Amino acid sequence: MDRECSFTDLETFLSEELPLINAARPTLRAVFATYNRVAGHDSGSIWSAGGLGVQVANGGLPPPVGLLFAMAAESLLRRVRGAVAQADVESQIAALGDLGEGDDVLAVVYAGVTAFAQSVEFVAQLRCRVPRATIVLVTCECGTARKRRCLAPLMASGVINCVIETPECGGERTMGAILDALIEARAGNPGLPIGQIIS
């Protein structure tokens, strides 16, 4: 992704940005990392047709539910649990070893309210580790103004290529939709070598 897509929503990302990311790379290694989970996908490797290799790192933190959702999301205990889950995700990604030079790497990372600072720090470290990767950050709309103030300089400096804002707290379905769309696009693209595995 040579251009910045700025702040966007899921539908715009799927219809406008993902096709550009996909078309530019005959092979693609995708890393999906969240301290929650990617809906429909367990942690580990998922291999698909069309030159796509996917690694999912789920932290497994369940989203808060009920009337006290906002208070629960902001609670100290939840933040501690979020930091622990984020650390688990980071160790899963570290275990991948060398991700290559980055031209063929897409990283999709969730950063919600619970472990926002830790997730953003992880993205900055990932940018240093894989300088030419395309990094997409998914975040919920909670505290949008504060998040935008933090993320705008990171986008301007090229640390983050794109931010997807979603009304879904936890980002599980949003992350799952991006991964499913990527797999579907690769499997259905006859211009790419079917069955090629990235290792």
N, C-alpha and C. Protein backbone atom coordinates (compact mmCIF):
# COMPACT_ATOMS: atom_id res chain seq x y z
N MET A 1 0.85 -1.16 0.00
CA MET A 1 0.00 0.00 0.00
C MET A 1 0.90 1.23 0.00
N ASP A 2 1.05 1.85 -1.13
CA ASP A 2 1.94 2.99 -1.26
C ASP A 2 1.29 4.28 -0.79
N ARG A 3 -0.01 4.30 -0.69
CA ARG A 3 -0.68 5.52 -0.28
C ARG A 3 -1.35 5.31 1.07
N GLU A 4 -1.62 6.41 1.71
CA GLU A 4 -2.25 6.38 3.01
C GLU A 4 -3.76 6.37 2.83
N CYS A 5 -4.47 5.50 3.54
CA CYS A 5 -5.92 5.48 3.37
C CYS A 5 -6.62 6.25 4.48
N SER A 6 -5.89 6.74 5.46
CA SER A 6 -6.43 7.57 6.52
C SER A 6 -7.39 6.77 7.38
N PHE A 7 -8.33 7.48 8.03
CA PHE A 7 -9.34 6.83 8.85
C PHE A 7 -10.48 6.43 7.93
N THR A 8 -10.95 5.19 8.08
CA THR A 8 -12.00 4.70 7.19
C THR A 8 -12.91 3.75 7.96
N ASP A 9 -13.96 3.27 7.30
CA ASP A 9 -14.83 2.27 7.91
C ASP A 9 -14.59 0.93 7.21
N LEU A 10 -15.18 -0.11 7.76
CA LEU A 10 -14.95 -1.46 7.24
C LEU A 10 -15.38 -1.58 5.78
N GLU A 11 -16.56 -1.10 5.45
CA GLU A 11 -17.08 -1.26 4.08
C GLU A 11 -16.17 -0.59 3.06
N THR A 12 -15.70 0.62 3.37
CA THR A 12 -14.81 1.33 2.46
C THR A 12 -13.48 0.60 2.34
N PHE A 13 -12.96 0.11 3.45
CA PHE A 13 -11.70 -0.62 3.40
C PHE A 13 -11.84 -1.86 2.52
N LEU A 14 -12.91 -2.61 2.72
CA LEU A 14 -13.10 -3.85 1.95
C LEU A 14 -13.32 -3.58 0.46
N SER A 15 -14.01 -2.50 0.14
CA SER A 15 -14.31 -2.24 -1.27
C SER A 15 -13.22 -1.46 -2.00
N GLU A 16 -12.46 -0.61 -1.28
CA GLU A 16 -11.49 0.24 -1.96
C GLU A 16 -10.03 -0.09 -1.64
N GLU A 17 -9.72 -0.35 -0.39
CA GLU A 17 -8.32 -0.52 0.00
C GLU A 17 -7.82 -1.95 -0.12
N LEU A 18 -8.61 -2.91 0.36
CA LEU A 18 -8.17 -4.30 0.30
C LEU A 18 -7.89 -4.78 -1.12
N PRO A 19 -8.72 -4.41 -2.10
CA PRO A 19 -8.39 -4.81 -3.48
C PRO A 19 -7.04 -4.26 -3.95
N LEU A 20 -6.67 -3.05 -3.53
CA LEU A 20 -5.37 -2.48 -3.91
C LEU A 20 -4.23 -3.24 -3.25
N ILE A 21 -4.40 -3.57 -1.99
CA ILE A 21 -3.38 -4.34 -1.26
C ILE A 21 -3.22 -5.70 -1.93
N ASN A 22 -4.33 -6.33 -2.24
CA ASN A 22 -4.34 -7.66 -2.82
C ASN A 22 -3.74 -7.68 -4.22
N ALA A 23 -4.09 -6.72 -5.05
CA ALA A 23 -3.65 -6.70 -6.44
C ALA A 23 -2.15 -6.44 -6.57
N ALA A 24 -1.59 -5.74 -5.62
CA ALA A 24 -0.19 -5.35 -5.72
C ALA A 24 0.78 -6.47 -5.35
N ARG A 25 0.28 -7.57 -4.82
CA ARG A 25 1.17 -8.61 -4.31
C ARG A 25 0.75 -10.00 -4.79
N PRO A 26 1.55 -10.64 -5.62
CA PRO A 26 1.20 -12.00 -6.05
C PRO A 26 1.25 -12.99 -4.89
N THR A 27 2.12 -12.74 -3.91
CA THR A 27 2.12 -13.53 -2.69
C THR A 27 1.96 -12.56 -1.52
N LEU A 28 1.30 -13.03 -0.47
CA LEU A 28 1.02 -12.17 0.66
C LEU A 28 1.04 -12.99 1.94
N ARG A 29 1.77 -12.50 2.93
CA ARG A 29 1.76 -13.10 4.26
C ARG A 29 0.99 -12.13 5.15
N ALA A 30 -0.14 -12.58 5.66
CA ALA A 30 -1.00 -11.73 6.49
C ALA A 30 -0.92 -12.18 7.94
N VAL A 31 -0.82 -11.19 8.83
CA VAL A 31 -0.77 -11.44 10.26
C VAL A 31 -1.94 -10.68 10.88
N PHE A 32 -2.82 -11.38 11.56
CA PHE A 32 -3.96 -10.78 12.26
C PHE A 32 -3.72 -10.93 13.75
N ALA A 33 -3.63 -9.81 14.46
CA ALA A 33 -3.30 -9.84 15.88
C ALA A 33 -4.31 -9.03 16.69
N THR A 34 -4.87 -9.64 17.72
CA THR A 34 -5.83 -8.96 18.58
C THR A 34 -5.76 -9.56 19.98
N TYR A 35 -5.90 -8.70 20.98
CA TYR A 35 -5.93 -9.21 22.34
C TYR A 35 -7.29 -9.85 22.63
N ASN A 36 -8.26 -9.67 21.75
CA ASN A 36 -9.56 -10.34 21.85
C ASN A 36 -9.48 -11.62 21.03
N ARG A 37 -10.24 -11.68 19.94
CA ARG A 37 -10.15 -12.81 19.02
C ARG A 37 -10.66 -12.39 17.64
N VAL A 38 -10.23 -13.11 16.62
CA VAL A 38 -10.71 -12.91 15.26
C VAL A 38 -11.86 -13.89 15.07
N ALA A 39 -13.07 -13.37 14.86
CA ALA A 39 -14.25 -14.22 14.75
C ALA A 39 -14.08 -15.27 13.66
N GLY A 40 -14.35 -16.51 14.03
CA GLY A 40 -14.31 -17.61 13.08
C GLY A 40 -12.94 -18.19 12.84
N HIS A 41 -11.91 -17.69 13.54
CA HIS A 41 -10.55 -18.17 13.28
C HIS A 41 -9.79 -18.33 14.59
N ASP A 42 -9.25 -19.52 14.79
CA ASP A 42 -8.44 -19.79 15.97
C ASP A 42 -7.02 -19.28 15.76
N SER A 43 -6.28 -19.17 16.85
CA SER A 43 -4.87 -18.81 16.72
C SER A 43 -4.12 -19.89 15.95
N GLY A 44 -3.13 -19.47 15.21
CA GLY A 44 -2.31 -20.40 14.45
C GLY A 44 -2.28 -20.03 12.98
N SER A 45 -1.76 -20.94 12.20
CA SER A 45 -1.62 -20.71 10.77
C SER A 45 -2.88 -21.13 10.02
N ILE A 46 -3.26 -20.32 9.07
CA ILE A 46 -4.35 -20.64 8.16
C ILE A 46 -3.76 -20.49 6.76
N TRP A 47 -3.75 -21.53 5.99
CA TRP A 47 -3.20 -21.43 4.64
C TRP A 47 -4.34 -21.45 3.65
N SER A 48 -4.25 -20.64 2.63
CA SER A 48 -5.29 -20.56 1.63
C SER A 48 -4.65 -20.61 0.25
N ALA A 49 -5.48 -20.69 -0.74
CA ALA A 49 -5.02 -20.71 -2.12
C ALA A 49 -4.59 -19.32 -2.55
N GLY A 50 -3.97 -19.24 -3.69
CA GLY A 50 -3.67 -17.95 -4.30
C GLY A 50 -2.50 -17.21 -3.71
N GLY A 51 -1.53 -17.90 -3.16
CA GLY A 51 -0.34 -17.23 -2.66
C GLY A 51 -0.52 -16.52 -1.34
N LEU A 52 -1.48 -16.96 -0.55
CA LEU A 52 -1.77 -16.31 0.72
C LEU A 52 -1.40 -17.22 1.89
N GLY A 53 -0.64 -16.68 2.83
CA GLY A 53 -0.37 -17.34 4.10
C GLY A 53 -0.86 -16.44 5.21
N VAL A 54 -1.61 -16.99 6.17
CA VAL A 54 -2.19 -16.19 7.23
C VAL A 54 -1.79 -16.76 8.58
N GLN A 55 -1.41 -15.88 9.50
CA GLN A 55 -1.15 -16.25 10.88
C GLN A 55 -2.11 -15.44 11.74
N VAL A 56 -2.87 -16.10 12.60
CA VAL A 56 -3.80 -15.43 13.51
C VAL A 56 -3.26 -15.56 14.92
N ALA A 57 -3.20 -14.44 15.64
CA ALA A 57 -2.79 -14.43 17.05
C ALA A 57 -3.93 -13.82 17.86
N ASN A 58 -4.67 -14.70 18.55
CA ASN A 58 -5.78 -14.27 19.40
C ASN A 58 -5.31 -14.23 20.85
N GLY A 59 -5.67 -13.16 21.56
CA GLY A 59 -5.38 -13.08 22.99
C GLY A 59 -6.48 -13.70 23.84
N GLY A 60 -7.68 -13.81 23.26
CA GLY A 60 -8.78 -14.49 23.93
C GLY A 60 -9.48 -13.72 25.02
N LEU A 61 -9.28 -12.40 25.12
CA LEU A 61 -9.98 -11.62 26.13
C LEU A 61 -11.42 -11.45 25.70
N PRO A 62 -12.38 -11.95 26.50
CA PRO A 62 -13.78 -11.79 26.10
C PRO A 62 -14.22 -10.34 26.27
N PRO A 63 -15.05 -9.84 25.34
CA PRO A 63 -15.53 -8.45 25.48
C PRO A 63 -16.48 -8.34 26.67
N PRO A 64 -16.50 -7.18 27.33
CA PRO A 64 -17.44 -7.00 28.44
C PRO A 64 -18.87 -6.90 27.91
N VAL A 65 -19.82 -7.36 28.70
CA VAL A 65 -21.22 -7.31 28.29
C VAL A 65 -22.07 -6.77 29.45
N GLY A 66 -23.27 -6.34 29.14
CA GLY A 66 -24.19 -5.92 30.17
C GLY A 66 -24.32 -4.42 30.30
N LEU A 67 -25.06 -4.00 31.31
CA LEU A 67 -25.35 -2.59 31.50
C LEU A 67 -24.12 -1.77 31.84
N LEU A 68 -23.15 -2.37 32.47
CA LEU A 68 -21.98 -1.64 32.90
C LEU A 68 -20.83 -1.77 31.91
N PHE A 69 -21.19 -1.92 30.63
CA PHE A 69 -20.18 -2.13 29.59
C PHE A 69 -19.10 -1.06 29.62
N ALA A 70 -19.48 0.21 29.59
CA ALA A 70 -18.50 1.29 29.53
C ALA A 70 -17.59 1.26 30.75
N MET A 71 -18.17 1.06 31.92
CA MET A 71 -17.36 1.01 33.14
C MET A 71 -16.44 -0.21 33.12
N ALA A 72 -16.95 -1.33 32.64
CA ALA A 72 -16.14 -2.55 32.61
C ALA A 72 -14.97 -2.39 31.64
N ALA A 73 -15.22 -1.75 30.50
CA ALA A 73 -14.16 -1.57 29.51
C ALA A 73 -13.04 -0.70 30.05
N GLU A 74 -13.38 0.23 30.93
CA GLU A 74 -12.40 1.16 31.47
C GLU A 74 -11.80 0.68 32.79
N SER A 75 -12.30 -0.41 33.35
CA SER A 75 -11.86 -0.83 34.68
C SER A 75 -10.39 -1.23 34.69
N LEU A 76 -9.77 -1.02 35.83
CA LEU A 76 -8.37 -1.37 36.00
C LEU A 76 -8.14 -2.86 35.78
N LEU A 77 -9.01 -3.70 36.33
CA LEU A 77 -8.85 -5.14 36.19
C LEU A 77 -8.90 -5.54 34.72
N ARG A 78 -9.85 -4.98 33.98
CA ARG A 78 -9.95 -5.32 32.55
C ARG A 78 -8.71 -4.84 31.80
N ARG A 79 -8.21 -3.68 32.15
CA ARG A 79 -7.00 -3.18 31.49
C ARG A 79 -5.80 -4.09 31.77
N VAL A 80 -5.71 -4.58 32.99
CA VAL A 80 -4.61 -5.51 33.32
C VAL A 80 -4.77 -6.80 32.52
N ARG A 81 -5.98 -7.32 32.47
CA ARG A 81 -6.23 -8.53 31.68
C ARG A 81 -5.94 -8.28 30.20
N GLY A 82 -6.30 -7.09 29.71
CA GLY A 82 -6.02 -6.74 28.32
C GLY A 82 -4.53 -6.68 28.05
N ALA A 83 -3.77 -6.11 28.98
CA ALA A 83 -2.32 -6.04 28.81
C ALA A 83 -1.71 -7.43 28.78
N VAL A 84 -2.22 -8.33 29.61
CA VAL A 84 -1.72 -9.71 29.62
C VAL A 84 -2.06 -10.40 28.30
N ALA A 85 -3.30 -10.21 27.83
CA ALA A 85 -3.70 -10.81 26.55
C ALA A 85 -2.88 -10.25 25.40
N GLN A 86 -2.60 -8.93 25.42
CA GLN A 86 -1.78 -8.32 24.37
C GLN A 86 -0.36 -8.88 24.40
N ALA A 87 0.19 -9.08 25.59
CA ALA A 87 1.53 -9.66 25.71
C ALA A 87 1.55 -11.07 25.11
N ASP A 88 0.47 -11.83 25.31
CA ASP A 88 0.38 -13.16 24.72
C ASP A 88 0.38 -13.08 23.20
N VAL A 89 -0.37 -12.13 22.65
CA VAL A 89 -0.41 -11.93 21.20
C VAL A 89 0.99 -11.60 20.69
N GLU A 90 1.68 -10.69 21.37
CA GLU A 90 3.02 -10.29 20.95
C GLU A 90 3.98 -11.46 20.96
N SER A 91 3.85 -12.35 21.95
CA SER A 91 4.75 -13.52 21.97
C SER A 91 4.42 -14.49 20.84
N GLN A 92 3.13 -14.58 20.48
CA GLN A 92 2.75 -15.42 19.34
C GLN A 92 3.37 -14.87 18.05
N ILE A 93 3.34 -13.56 17.87
CA ILE A 93 3.91 -12.94 16.67
C ILE A 93 5.43 -13.07 16.68
N ALA A 94 6.06 -12.89 17.83
CA ALA A 94 7.52 -13.03 17.93
C ALA A 94 7.94 -14.45 17.56
N ALA A 95 7.12 -15.42 17.89
CA ALA A 95 7.44 -16.81 17.58
C ALA A 95 7.43 -17.09 16.07
N LEU A 96 6.86 -16.19 15.29
CA LEU A 96 6.85 -16.37 13.84
C LEU A 96 8.25 -16.24 13.25
N GLY A 97 9.14 -15.59 13.97
CA GLY A 97 10.49 -15.38 13.45
C GLY A 97 10.50 -14.28 12.40
N ASP A 98 11.33 -14.47 11.41
CA ASP A 98 11.53 -13.46 10.37
C ASP A 98 10.28 -13.36 9.49
N LEU A 99 9.76 -12.16 9.39
CA LEU A 99 8.60 -11.93 8.52
C LEU A 99 9.02 -11.44 7.15
N GLY A 100 10.31 -11.41 6.87
CA GLY A 100 10.79 -10.98 5.57
C GLY A 100 11.00 -9.49 5.51
N GLU A 101 11.20 -9.00 4.31
CA GLU A 101 11.45 -7.57 4.11
C GLU A 101 10.20 -6.74 4.27
N GLY A 102 9.05 -7.33 4.06
CA GLY A 102 7.82 -6.61 4.33
C GLY A 102 6.98 -6.23 3.14
N ASP A 103 7.52 -6.29 1.92
CA ASP A 103 6.71 -5.93 0.77
C ASP A 103 5.47 -6.81 0.66
N ASP A 104 5.61 -8.04 1.11
CA ASP A 104 4.51 -8.99 0.98
C ASP A 104 3.83 -9.27 2.31
N VAL A 105 4.00 -8.39 3.30
CA VAL A 105 3.40 -8.59 4.63
C VAL A 105 2.28 -7.58 4.86
N LEU A 106 1.14 -8.10 5.28
CA LEU A 106 0.00 -7.29 5.71
C LEU A 106 -0.24 -7.62 7.17
N ALA A 107 -0.19 -6.62 8.04
CA ALA A 107 -0.49 -6.81 9.45
C ALA A 107 -1.77 -6.07 9.78
N VAL A 108 -2.75 -6.78 10.34
CA VAL A 108 -4.01 -6.19 10.77
C VAL A 108 -4.07 -6.38 12.28
N VAL A 109 -4.07 -5.26 13.01
CA VAL A 109 -3.96 -5.29 14.47
C VAL A 109 -5.14 -4.56 15.08
N TYR A 110 -5.73 -5.14 16.13
CA TYR A 110 -6.83 -4.49 16.84
C TYR A 110 -6.29 -3.71 18.03
N ALA A 111 -6.80 -2.48 18.20
CA ALA A 111 -6.45 -1.64 19.34
C ALA A 111 -7.71 -0.95 19.84
N GLY A 112 -8.36 -1.54 20.82
CA GLY A 112 -9.56 -0.95 21.40
C GLY A 112 -9.22 -0.21 22.67
N VAL A 113 -10.23 0.04 23.47
CA VAL A 113 -10.05 0.80 24.69
C VAL A 113 -9.20 0.04 25.71
N THR A 114 -9.41 -1.26 25.83
CA THR A 114 -8.82 -2.04 26.90
C THR A 114 -7.30 -2.04 26.90
N ALA A 115 -6.69 -2.26 25.77
CA ALA A 115 -5.22 -2.31 25.70
C ALA A 115 -4.72 -1.44 24.55
N PHE A 116 -5.29 -0.26 24.42
CA PHE A 116 -4.97 0.63 23.31
C PHE A 116 -3.48 0.96 23.27
N ALA A 117 -2.94 1.44 24.37
CA ALA A 117 -1.53 1.86 24.40
C ALA A 117 -0.60 0.70 24.07
N GLN A 118 -0.87 -0.47 24.62
CA GLN A 118 -0.03 -1.64 24.36
C GLN A 118 -0.12 -2.06 22.90
N SER A 119 -1.31 -2.00 22.33
CA SER A 119 -1.48 -2.38 20.92
C SER A 119 -0.78 -1.42 19.99
N VAL A 120 -0.85 -0.12 20.28
CA VAL A 120 -0.19 0.88 19.45
C VAL A 120 1.32 0.73 19.57
N GLU A 121 1.82 0.46 20.75
CA GLU A 121 3.26 0.22 20.93
C GLU A 121 3.70 -1.01 20.13
N PHE A 122 2.87 -2.06 20.14
CA PHE A 122 3.15 -3.26 19.37
C PHE A 122 3.25 -2.94 17.88
N VAL A 123 2.33 -2.09 17.38
CA VAL A 123 2.35 -1.69 15.97
C VAL A 123 3.65 -0.95 15.65
N ALA A 124 4.07 -0.06 16.52
CA ALA A 124 5.32 0.68 16.30
C ALA A 124 6.51 -0.28 16.26
N GLN A 125 6.52 -1.27 17.13
CA GLN A 125 7.60 -2.27 17.12
C GLN A 125 7.54 -3.12 15.85
N LEU A 126 6.33 -3.46 15.44
CA LEU A 126 6.17 -4.24 14.20
C LEU A 126 6.69 -3.46 13.00
N ARG A 127 6.43 -2.14 12.97
CA ARG A 127 6.93 -1.30 11.87
C ARG A 127 8.46 -1.33 11.83
N CYS A 128 9.10 -1.29 12.99
CA CYS A 128 10.57 -1.37 13.04
C CYS A 128 11.06 -2.73 12.57
N ARG A 129 10.33 -3.78 12.95
CA ARG A 129 10.71 -5.15 12.60
C ARG A 129 10.52 -5.44 11.11
N VAL A 130 9.45 -4.90 10.53
CA VAL A 130 9.11 -5.14 9.13
C VAL A 130 8.80 -3.79 8.48
N PRO A 131 9.85 -3.04 8.11
CA PRO A 131 9.67 -1.64 7.69
C PRO A 131 8.74 -1.41 6.51
N ARG A 132 8.65 -2.35 5.58
CA ARG A 132 7.84 -2.11 4.39
C ARG A 132 6.48 -2.81 4.42
N ALA A 133 6.11 -3.34 5.58
CA ALA A 133 4.81 -4.00 5.70
C ALA A 133 3.68 -2.98 5.56
N THR A 134 2.53 -3.47 5.17
CA THR A 134 1.32 -2.67 5.20
C THR A 134 0.67 -2.94 6.55
N ILE A 135 0.52 -1.89 7.37
CA ILE A 135 -0.04 -2.06 8.71
C ILE A 135 -1.39 -1.36 8.79
N VAL A 136 -2.40 -2.16 9.11
CA VAL A 136 -3.77 -1.68 9.24
C VAL A 136 -4.17 -1.85 10.70
N LEU A 137 -4.65 -0.79 11.31
CA LEU A 137 -5.09 -0.84 12.70
C LEU A 137 -6.61 -0.76 12.72
N VAL A 138 -7.24 -1.68 13.44
CA VAL A 138 -8.69 -1.68 13.61
C VAL A 138 -8.97 -1.20 15.02
N THR A 139 -9.91 -0.28 15.18
CA THR A 139 -10.26 0.22 16.50
C THR A 139 -11.76 0.48 16.59
N CYS A 140 -12.28 0.37 17.80
CA CYS A 140 -13.69 0.68 18.00
C CYS A 140 -13.87 2.20 18.05
N GLU A 141 -15.10 2.63 18.00
CA GLU A 141 -15.39 4.07 17.99
C GLU A 141 -15.43 4.68 19.39
N CYS A 142 -15.15 3.90 20.42
CA CYS A 142 -15.11 4.44 21.79
C CYS A 142 -13.91 5.37 21.91
N GLY A 143 -14.12 6.58 22.40
CA GLY A 143 -13.03 7.53 22.58
C GLY A 143 -12.38 7.94 21.28
N THR A 144 -13.17 8.11 20.23
CA THR A 144 -12.64 8.38 18.90
C THR A 144 -11.72 9.60 18.85
N ALA A 145 -12.11 10.69 19.47
CA ALA A 145 -11.30 11.92 19.40
C ALA A 145 -9.91 11.68 20.01
N ARG A 146 -9.87 11.03 21.16
CA ARG A 146 -8.59 10.74 21.82
C ARG A 146 -7.73 9.80 20.96
N LYS A 147 -8.36 8.77 20.44
CA LYS A 147 -7.63 7.82 19.60
C LYS A 147 -7.09 8.49 18.34
N ARG A 148 -7.91 9.33 17.71
CA ARG A 148 -7.46 10.02 16.48
C ARG A 148 -6.26 10.94 16.76
N ARG A 149 -6.29 11.62 17.91
CA ARG A 149 -5.15 12.48 18.27
C ARG A 149 -3.87 11.65 18.42
N CYS A 150 -3.99 10.47 18.94
CA CYS A 150 -2.84 9.58 19.11
C CYS A 150 -2.39 8.97 17.78
N LEU A 151 -3.35 8.56 16.96
CA LEU A 151 -3.04 7.81 15.74
C LEU A 151 -2.66 8.68 14.55
N ALA A 152 -3.17 9.89 14.47
CA ALA A 152 -2.88 10.75 13.31
C ALA A 152 -1.39 10.95 13.09
N PRO A 153 -0.58 11.25 14.12
CA PRO A 153 0.86 11.40 13.87
C PRO A 153 1.52 10.09 13.42
N LEU A 154 1.01 8.97 13.92
CA LEU A 154 1.57 7.67 13.51
C LEU A 154 1.24 7.37 12.05
N MET A 155 0.10 7.83 11.60
CA MET A 155 -0.25 7.66 10.19
C MET A 155 0.57 8.62 9.33
N ALA A 156 0.72 9.85 9.79
CA ALA A 156 1.50 10.84 9.03
C ALA A 156 2.95 10.43 8.88
N SER A 157 3.50 9.76 9.89
CA SER A 157 4.89 9.32 9.85
C SER A 157 5.07 7.97 9.17
N GLY A 158 3.97 7.32 8.78
CA GLY A 158 4.06 6.04 8.07
C GLY A 158 4.13 4.82 8.96
N VAL A 159 3.97 4.97 10.26
CA VAL A 159 3.98 3.81 11.15
C VAL A 159 2.75 2.96 10.88
N ILE A 160 1.61 3.62 10.69
CA ILE A 160 0.35 2.94 10.38
C ILE A 160 -0.10 3.41 9.01
N ASN A 161 -0.50 2.47 8.15
CA ASN A 161 -0.97 2.83 6.81
C ASN A 161 -2.44 3.20 6.78
N CYS A 162 -3.24 2.56 7.63
CA CYS A 162 -4.68 2.76 7.57
C CYS A 162 -5.29 2.44 8.92
N VAL A 163 -6.33 3.19 9.31
CA VAL A 163 -7.08 2.91 10.54
C VAL A 163 -8.53 2.67 10.15
N ILE A 164 -9.05 1.52 10.56
CA ILE A 164 -10.45 1.19 10.34
C ILE A 164 -11.17 1.41 11.66
N GLU A 165 -12.15 2.33 11.65
CA GLU A 165 -12.96 2.57 12.84
C GLU A 165 -14.26 1.80 12.70
N THR A 166 -14.59 1.04 13.74
CA THR A 166 -15.78 0.21 13.70
C THR A 166 -16.66 0.49 14.92
N PRO A 167 -17.98 0.43 14.74
CA PRO A 167 -18.87 0.61 15.89
C PRO A 167 -18.84 -0.60 16.83
N GLU A 168 -18.23 -1.68 16.40
CA GLU A 168 -18.19 -2.92 17.19
C GLU A 168 -17.06 -2.86 18.24
N CYS A 169 -17.44 -2.90 19.48
CA CYS A 169 -16.42 -2.98 20.54
C CYS A 169 -15.84 -4.39 20.56
N GLY A 170 -14.55 -4.49 20.64
CA GLY A 170 -13.87 -5.78 20.62
C GLY A 170 -13.31 -6.13 19.25
N GLY A 171 -13.97 -5.67 18.19
CA GLY A 171 -13.47 -5.85 16.84
C GLY A 171 -13.45 -7.26 16.31
N GLU A 172 -14.06 -8.20 17.01
CA GLU A 172 -13.98 -9.61 16.60
C GLU A 172 -14.57 -9.85 15.22
N ARG A 173 -15.80 -9.39 15.01
CA ARG A 173 -16.46 -9.60 13.71
C ARG A 173 -15.79 -8.80 12.61
N THR A 174 -15.32 -7.60 12.93
CA THR A 174 -14.64 -6.76 11.95
C THR A 174 -13.35 -7.43 11.48
N MET A 175 -12.55 -7.90 12.42
CA MET A 175 -11.31 -8.60 12.07
C MET A 175 -11.62 -9.86 11.25
N GLY A 176 -12.65 -10.60 11.67
CA GLY A 176 -13.05 -11.81 10.93
C GLY A 176 -13.50 -11.48 9.52
N ALA A 177 -14.23 -10.38 9.36
CA ALA A 177 -14.71 -9.98 8.02
C ALA A 177 -13.54 -9.62 7.11
N ILE A 178 -12.53 -8.94 7.64
CA ILE A 178 -11.36 -8.60 6.83
C ILE A 178 -10.63 -9.86 6.40
N LEU A 179 -10.42 -10.77 7.33
CA LEU A 179 -9.72 -12.02 7.00
C LEU A 179 -10.52 -12.85 6.00
N ASP A 180 -11.81 -12.97 6.23
CA ASP A 180 -12.65 -13.74 5.29
C ASP A 180 -12.62 -13.12 3.90
N ALA A 181 -12.69 -11.79 3.81
CA ALA A 181 -12.66 -11.11 2.51
C ALA A 181 -11.31 -11.32 1.81
N LEU A 182 -10.24 -11.29 2.58
CA LEU A 182 -8.91 -11.51 2.01
C LEU A 182 -8.79 -12.93 1.45
N ILE A 183 -9.24 -13.91 2.22
CA ILE A 183 -9.19 -15.30 1.76
C ILE A 183 -10.07 -15.49 0.53
N GLU A 184 -11.27 -14.93 0.56
CA GLU A 184 -12.18 -15.05 -0.58
C GLU A 184 -11.59 -14.40 -1.83
N ALA A 185 -10.98 -13.22 -1.68
CA ALA A 185 -10.39 -12.54 -2.83
C ALA A 185 -9.25 -13.34 -3.41
N ARG A 186 -8.42 -13.92 -2.55
CA ARG A 186 -7.29 -14.71 -3.04
C ARG A 186 -7.75 -16.00 -3.69
N ALA A 187 -8.71 -16.66 -3.09
CA ALA A 187 -9.19 -17.93 -3.63
C ALA A 187 -9.91 -17.73 -4.96
N GLY A 188 -10.53 -16.56 -5.12
CA GLY A 188 -11.30 -16.32 -6.33
C GLY A 188 -10.58 -15.53 -7.39
N ASN A 189 -9.28 -15.25 -7.22
CA ASN A 189 -8.54 -14.44 -8.18
C ASN A 189 -7.75 -15.35 -9.12
N PRO A 190 -8.26 -15.57 -10.35
CA PRO A 190 -7.59 -16.49 -11.27
C PRO A 190 -6.22 -15.99 -11.74
N GLY A 191 -5.91 -14.72 -11.53
CA GLY A 191 -4.62 -14.20 -11.96
C GLY A 191 -3.48 -14.54 -11.02
N LEU A 192 -3.79 -15.14 -9.89
CA LEU A 192 -2.76 -15.51 -8.92
C LEU A 192 -2.54 -17.00 -8.93
N PRO A 193 -1.32 -17.44 -8.62
CA PRO A 193 -1.03 -18.89 -8.62
C PRO A 193 -1.78 -19.60 -7.51
N ILE A 194 -2.73 -20.43 -7.88
CA ILE A 194 -3.54 -21.15 -6.90
C ILE A 194 -2.69 -22.23 -6.24
N GLY A 195 -2.83 -22.31 -4.92
CA GLY A 195 -2.14 -23.35 -4.17
C GLY A 195 -0.74 -22.99 -3.71
N GLN A 196 -0.23 -21.83 -4.07
CA GLN A 196 1.11 -21.44 -3.63
C GLN A 196 1.07 -21.13 -2.13
N ILE A 197 1.98 -21.69 -1.38
CA ILE A 197 2.04 -21.49 0.06
C ILE A 197 3.26 -20.64 0.39
N ILE A 198 3.06 -19.66 1.27
CA ILE A 198 4.18 -18.83 1.73
C ILE A 198 4.67 -19.43 3.04
N SER A 199 5.94 -19.66 3.15
CA SER A 199 6.47 -20.20 4.41
C SER A 199 7.54 -19.31 4.95
